Amino acid sequence: MDTSDLLALKEAMNDFVKQHLGIEAKIKTVCQLGLRTFLIEMNNTHEKDRIMQSKSKLKDIQGANIYINDNITRRERERQTSIRKFAYKERSNGKDVNIGMKKVVVNGT
């Protein structure tokens, strides 16, 4: 796939989402950030939410390491890293820990 052609890249991403996630979504823009990293902007948040809810289906693709993540700032990434470290310590102390965006729940409280 020629990633320099933005229209072809947009079509390829639309086809990927439709084939693997089963969602007919309209992609607004696509740009390539790295060798295997793309930034995709959706037309509306409803379509984005549907994709984010269905992203677990990507685990079913054999031999592929494909991930879909929110585009977050460096500060938010650092905050999530500190939350994960805290959760790891709590889990090693035998506590039940659930992690969410900007939050951690220990033993259901």
N, C-alpha and C. Protein backbone atom coordinates (compact mmCIF):
# COMPACT_ATOMS: atom_id res chain seq x y z
N MET A 1 0.85 -1.18 0.00
CA MET A 1 0.00 0.00 0.00
C MET A 1 0.89 1.24 0.00
N ASP A 2 0.60 2.14 -0.88
CA ASP A 2 1.34 3.40 -0.98
C ASP A 2 0.75 4.38 0.02
N THR A 3 1.50 4.64 1.10
CA THR A 3 0.98 5.51 2.15
C THR A 3 1.16 6.99 1.84
N SER A 4 1.82 7.31 0.74
CA SER A 4 1.97 8.72 0.39
C SER A 4 0.68 9.24 -0.26
N ASP A 5 -0.14 8.38 -0.79
CA ASP A 5 -1.42 8.75 -1.38
C ASP A 5 -2.46 8.77 -0.27
N LEU A 6 -2.85 9.95 0.18
CA LEU A 6 -3.75 10.09 1.33
C LEU A 6 -5.14 9.52 1.06
N LEU A 7 -5.62 9.64 -0.15
CA LEU A 7 -6.94 9.09 -0.48
C LEU A 7 -6.92 7.57 -0.41
N ALA A 8 -5.87 6.95 -0.93
CA ALA A 8 -5.75 5.49 -0.86
C ALA A 8 -5.59 5.03 0.58
N LEU A 9 -4.85 5.78 1.38
CA LEU A 9 -4.67 5.45 2.79
C LEU A 9 -6.00 5.53 3.54
N LYS A 10 -6.77 6.55 3.25
CA LYS A 10 -8.08 6.71 3.87
C LYS A 10 -9.00 5.55 3.49
N GLU A 11 -8.99 5.16 2.22
CA GLU A 11 -9.79 4.03 1.76
C GLU A 11 -9.36 2.73 2.45
N ALA A 12 -8.04 2.53 2.57
CA ALA A 12 -7.52 1.32 3.22
C ALA A 12 -7.94 1.25 4.68
N MET A 13 -7.91 2.37 5.39
CA MET A 13 -8.32 2.39 6.79
C MET A 13 -9.83 2.16 6.92
N ASN A 14 -10.62 2.73 6.01
CA ASN A 14 -12.06 2.48 6.01
C ASN A 14 -12.35 1.00 5.80
N ASP A 15 -11.64 0.39 4.84
CA ASP A 15 -11.82 -1.04 4.57
C ASP A 15 -11.41 -1.88 5.77
N PHE A 16 -10.32 -1.51 6.43
CA PHE A 16 -9.84 -2.25 7.60
C PHE A 16 -10.87 -2.23 8.72
N VAL A 17 -11.40 -1.05 9.00
CA VAL A 17 -12.40 -0.90 10.07
C VAL A 17 -13.65 -1.71 9.73
N LYS A 18 -14.07 -1.65 8.49
CA LYS A 18 -15.27 -2.38 8.08
C LYS A 18 -15.04 -3.89 8.16
N GLN A 19 -13.89 -4.36 7.68
CA GLN A 19 -13.62 -5.79 7.64
C GLN A 19 -13.41 -6.38 9.03
N HIS A 20 -12.58 -5.75 9.85
CA HIS A 20 -12.17 -6.35 11.12
C HIS A 20 -13.05 -5.96 12.31
N LEU A 21 -13.67 -4.79 12.25
CA LEU A 21 -14.51 -4.36 13.37
C LEU A 21 -15.99 -4.41 13.04
N GLY A 22 -16.32 -4.57 11.75
CA GLY A 22 -17.71 -4.65 11.34
C GLY A 22 -18.45 -3.34 11.47
N ILE A 23 -17.75 -2.24 11.32
CA ILE A 23 -18.35 -0.91 11.49
C ILE A 23 -18.18 -0.12 10.20
N GLU A 24 -19.27 0.41 9.71
CA GLU A 24 -19.24 1.28 8.54
C GLU A 24 -19.06 2.71 9.06
N ALA A 25 -17.84 3.21 9.02
CA ALA A 25 -17.54 4.52 9.59
C ALA A 25 -16.97 5.44 8.51
N LYS A 26 -17.15 6.70 8.71
CA LYS A 26 -16.60 7.71 7.81
C LYS A 26 -15.38 8.34 8.45
N ILE A 27 -14.24 8.15 7.83
CA ILE A 27 -13.00 8.72 8.33
C ILE A 27 -12.82 10.09 7.70
N LYS A 28 -12.51 11.06 8.54
CA LYS A 28 -12.32 12.43 8.07
C LYS A 28 -10.92 12.61 7.48
N THR A 29 -9.89 12.30 8.27
CA THR A 29 -8.51 12.41 7.77
C THR A 29 -7.66 11.28 8.34
N VAL A 30 -6.60 10.96 7.62
CA VAL A 30 -5.62 9.97 8.05
C VAL A 30 -4.24 10.53 7.76
N CYS A 31 -3.34 10.39 8.73
CA CYS A 31 -1.95 10.74 8.46
C CYS A 31 -1.05 9.70 9.12
N GLN A 32 0.07 9.46 8.48
CA GLN A 32 1.01 8.47 8.99
C GLN A 32 2.01 9.17 9.90
N LEU A 33 2.11 8.67 11.16
CA LEU A 33 3.01 9.27 12.14
C LEU A 33 4.37 8.60 12.16
N GLY A 34 4.38 7.31 11.97
CA GLY A 34 5.61 6.53 12.00
C GLY A 34 5.52 5.43 10.98
N LEU A 35 6.42 4.47 11.08
CA LEU A 35 6.43 3.38 10.12
C LEU A 35 5.13 2.58 10.14
N ARG A 36 4.62 2.30 11.35
CA ARG A 36 3.40 1.51 11.48
C ARG A 36 2.36 2.20 12.35
N THR A 37 2.45 3.51 12.51
CA THR A 37 1.54 4.26 13.37
C THR A 37 0.78 5.29 12.54
N PHE A 38 -0.53 5.30 12.72
CA PHE A 38 -1.38 6.22 11.98
C PHE A 38 -2.27 6.99 12.94
N LEU A 39 -2.58 8.22 12.58
CA LEU A 39 -3.53 9.04 13.31
C LEU A 39 -4.77 9.18 12.43
N ILE A 40 -5.90 8.72 12.95
CA ILE A 40 -7.14 8.75 12.19
C ILE A 40 -8.12 9.66 12.90
N GLU A 41 -8.69 10.59 12.16
CA GLU A 41 -9.70 11.50 12.71
C GLU A 41 -11.05 11.12 12.12
N MET A 42 -12.01 10.92 13.01
CA MET A 42 -13.35 10.50 12.58
C MET A 42 -14.23 11.73 12.36
N ASN A 43 -15.32 11.53 11.61
CA ASN A 43 -16.26 12.63 11.35
C ASN A 43 -17.00 13.05 12.61
N ASN A 44 -17.32 12.08 13.49
CA ASN A 44 -18.03 12.44 14.71
C ASN A 44 -17.63 11.51 15.84
N THR A 45 -17.96 11.90 17.05
CA THR A 45 -17.54 11.13 18.22
C THR A 45 -18.34 9.84 18.37
N HIS A 46 -19.54 9.79 17.81
CA HIS A 46 -20.33 8.56 17.89
C HIS A 46 -19.61 7.40 17.17
N GLU A 47 -19.08 7.67 15.99
CA GLU A 47 -18.34 6.64 15.24
C GLU A 47 -17.07 6.25 15.99
N LYS A 48 -16.39 7.22 16.57
CA LYS A 48 -15.18 6.93 17.34
C LYS A 48 -15.50 6.04 18.53
N ASP A 49 -16.59 6.35 19.23
CA ASP A 49 -16.99 5.55 20.38
C ASP A 49 -17.31 4.12 19.98
N ARG A 50 -17.98 3.94 18.85
CA ARG A 50 -18.30 2.58 18.37
C ARG A 50 -17.02 1.80 18.06
N ILE A 51 -16.06 2.46 17.46
CA ILE A 51 -14.78 1.81 17.16
C ILE A 51 -14.04 1.46 18.44
N MET A 52 -14.01 2.38 19.40
CA MET A 52 -13.31 2.13 20.66
C MET A 52 -13.96 0.97 21.42
N GLN A 53 -15.27 0.82 21.34
CA GLN A 53 -15.96 -0.27 22.01
C GLN A 53 -15.70 -1.61 21.31
N SER A 54 -15.42 -1.57 20.01
CA SER A 54 -15.23 -2.81 19.24
C SER A 54 -13.77 -3.19 19.06
N LYS A 55 -12.86 -2.41 19.60
CA LYS A 55 -11.44 -2.65 19.33
C LYS A 55 -10.93 -3.98 19.89
N SER A 56 -11.66 -4.58 20.82
CA SER A 56 -11.24 -5.88 21.36
C SER A 56 -11.31 -6.98 20.30
N LYS A 57 -12.06 -6.77 19.23
CA LYS A 57 -12.14 -7.74 18.14
C LYS A 57 -10.80 -7.90 17.42
N LEU A 58 -9.90 -6.95 17.59
CA LEU A 58 -8.60 -7.03 16.93
C LEU A 58 -7.74 -8.15 17.49
N LYS A 59 -8.07 -8.64 18.69
CA LYS A 59 -7.33 -9.75 19.29
C LYS A 59 -7.52 -11.03 18.48
N ASP A 60 -8.61 -11.12 17.72
CA ASP A 60 -8.92 -12.31 16.95
C ASP A 60 -8.07 -12.45 15.69
N ILE A 61 -7.35 -11.40 15.29
CA ILE A 61 -6.52 -11.44 14.09
C ILE A 61 -5.23 -12.18 14.44
N GLN A 62 -5.03 -13.33 13.83
CA GLN A 62 -3.86 -14.16 14.13
C GLN A 62 -2.57 -13.51 13.61
N GLY A 63 -1.55 -13.49 14.45
CA GLY A 63 -0.23 -13.02 14.06
C GLY A 63 -0.10 -11.52 13.88
N ALA A 64 -1.09 -10.76 14.29
CA ALA A 64 -1.03 -9.30 14.11
C ALA A 64 -1.09 -8.62 15.47
N ASN A 65 -0.24 -7.64 15.65
CA ASN A 65 -0.26 -6.82 16.85
C ASN A 65 -0.81 -5.45 16.47
N ILE A 66 -2.13 -5.34 16.48
CA ILE A 66 -2.80 -4.12 16.07
C ILE A 66 -3.53 -3.55 17.28
N TYR A 67 -3.30 -2.26 17.55
CA TYR A 67 -3.89 -1.61 18.70
C TYR A 67 -4.56 -0.32 18.26
N ILE A 68 -5.65 0.02 18.92
CA ILE A 68 -6.32 1.30 18.71
C ILE A 68 -6.37 1.99 20.06
N ASN A 69 -5.82 3.18 20.12
CA ASN A 69 -5.77 3.95 21.36
C ASN A 69 -6.26 5.36 21.11
N ASP A 70 -6.71 6.01 22.19
CA ASP A 70 -7.06 7.42 22.12
C ASP A 70 -5.80 8.24 21.92
N ASN A 71 -5.94 9.34 21.23
CA ASN A 71 -4.84 10.27 21.06
C ASN A 71 -4.80 11.17 22.31
N ILE A 72 -3.82 10.93 23.19
CA ILE A 72 -3.76 11.68 24.44
C ILE A 72 -2.46 12.47 24.51
N THR A 73 -2.44 13.46 25.38
CA THR A 73 -1.26 14.31 25.53
C THR A 73 -0.18 13.60 26.34
N ARG A 74 1.00 14.15 26.32
CA ARG A 74 2.12 13.59 27.07
C ARG A 74 1.80 13.57 28.57
N ARG A 75 1.19 14.63 29.07
CA ARG A 75 0.85 14.70 30.49
C ARG A 75 -0.15 13.60 30.87
N GLU A 76 -1.14 13.37 30.01
CA GLU A 76 -2.11 12.30 30.27
C GLU A 76 -1.43 10.93 30.24
N ARG A 77 -0.48 10.73 29.32
CA ARG A 77 0.26 9.46 29.27
C ARG A 77 1.07 9.26 30.54
N GLU A 78 1.70 10.32 31.03
CA GLU A 78 2.48 10.23 32.27
C GLU A 78 1.57 9.91 33.46
N ARG A 79 0.39 10.52 33.49
CA ARG A 79 -0.57 10.25 34.56
C ARG A 79 -1.00 8.79 34.53
N GLN A 80 -1.31 8.27 33.35
CA GLN A 80 -1.71 6.87 33.22
C GLN A 80 -0.57 5.93 33.62
N THR A 81 0.68 6.29 33.32
CA THR A 81 1.83 5.48 33.72
C THR A 81 1.93 5.42 35.23
N SER A 82 1.74 6.54 35.91
CA SER A 82 1.82 6.53 37.37
C SER A 82 0.65 5.74 37.97
N ILE A 83 -0.52 5.80 37.34
CA ILE A 83 -1.65 5.00 37.81
C ILE A 83 -1.35 3.51 37.66
N ARG A 84 -0.76 3.12 36.53
CA ARG A 84 -0.42 1.70 36.33
C ARG A 84 0.62 1.23 37.34
N LYS A 85 1.60 2.08 37.67
CA LYS A 85 2.61 1.72 38.67
C LYS A 85 1.98 1.54 40.05
N PHE A 86 1.08 2.45 40.41
CA PHE A 86 0.37 2.35 41.68
C PHE A 86 -0.45 1.06 41.73
N ALA A 87 -1.15 0.76 40.63
CA ALA A 87 -1.98 -0.44 40.58
C ALA A 87 -1.12 -1.70 40.70
N TYR A 88 0.05 -1.70 40.10
CA TYR A 88 0.95 -2.85 40.20
C TYR A 88 1.36 -3.09 41.65
N LYS A 89 1.69 -2.00 42.36
CA LYS A 89 2.07 -2.13 43.77
C LYS A 89 0.91 -2.67 44.60
N GLU A 90 -0.28 -2.16 44.36
CA GLU A 90 -1.45 -2.60 45.11
C GLU A 90 -1.77 -4.07 44.81
N ARG A 91 -1.64 -4.47 43.56
CA ARG A 91 -1.90 -5.87 43.20
C ARG A 91 -0.88 -6.79 43.86
N SER A 92 0.38 -6.33 43.95
CA SER A 92 1.40 -7.16 44.60
C SER A 92 1.13 -7.29 46.10
N ASN A 93 0.34 -6.38 46.67
CA ASN A 93 -0.07 -6.48 48.07
C ASN A 93 -1.34 -7.30 48.24
N GLY A 94 -1.83 -7.91 47.13
CA GLY A 94 -2.98 -8.79 47.20
C GLY A 94 -4.33 -8.10 47.07
N LYS A 95 -4.35 -6.87 46.63
CA LYS A 95 -5.61 -6.15 46.48
C LYS A 95 -6.14 -6.28 45.07
N ASP A 96 -7.46 -6.19 44.94
CA ASP A 96 -8.13 -6.23 43.64
C ASP A 96 -8.15 -4.81 43.08
N VAL A 97 -7.56 -4.61 41.89
CA VAL A 97 -7.41 -3.27 41.34
C VAL A 97 -7.96 -3.22 39.91
N ASN A 98 -8.77 -2.20 39.62
CA ASN A 98 -9.26 -1.93 38.27
C ASN A 98 -8.78 -0.55 37.85
N ILE A 99 -8.29 -0.44 36.62
CA ILE A 99 -7.76 0.81 36.10
C ILE A 99 -8.70 1.34 35.03
N GLY A 100 -8.95 2.65 35.08
CA GLY A 100 -9.72 3.35 34.05
C GLY A 100 -8.94 4.58 33.62
N MET A 101 -9.53 5.36 32.76
CA MET A 101 -8.88 6.59 32.31
C MET A 101 -8.91 7.60 33.45
N LYS A 102 -7.75 7.98 33.94
CA LYS A 102 -7.55 8.96 35.01
C LYS A 102 -8.08 8.49 36.36
N LYS A 103 -8.24 7.17 36.54
CA LYS A 103 -8.72 6.70 37.83
C LYS A 103 -8.26 5.27 38.09
N VAL A 104 -8.28 4.90 39.37
CA VAL A 104 -7.98 3.53 39.79
C VAL A 104 -8.95 3.17 40.92
N VAL A 105 -9.48 1.95 40.88
CA VAL A 105 -10.41 1.47 41.89
C VAL A 105 -9.76 0.30 42.60
N VAL A 106 -9.59 0.42 43.94
CA VAL A 106 -8.96 -0.62 44.73
C VAL A 106 -10.03 -1.29 45.59
N ASN A 107 -10.15 -2.61 45.47
CA ASN A 107 -11.13 -3.40 46.25
C ASN A 107 -12.54 -2.85 46.17
N GLY A 108 -12.92 -2.36 45.00
CA GLY A 108 -14.29 -1.89 44.79
C GLY A 108 -14.63 -0.57 45.44
N THR A 109 -13.65 0.15 45.99
CA THR A 109 -13.95 1.43 46.63
C THR A 109 -13.33 2.58 45.88
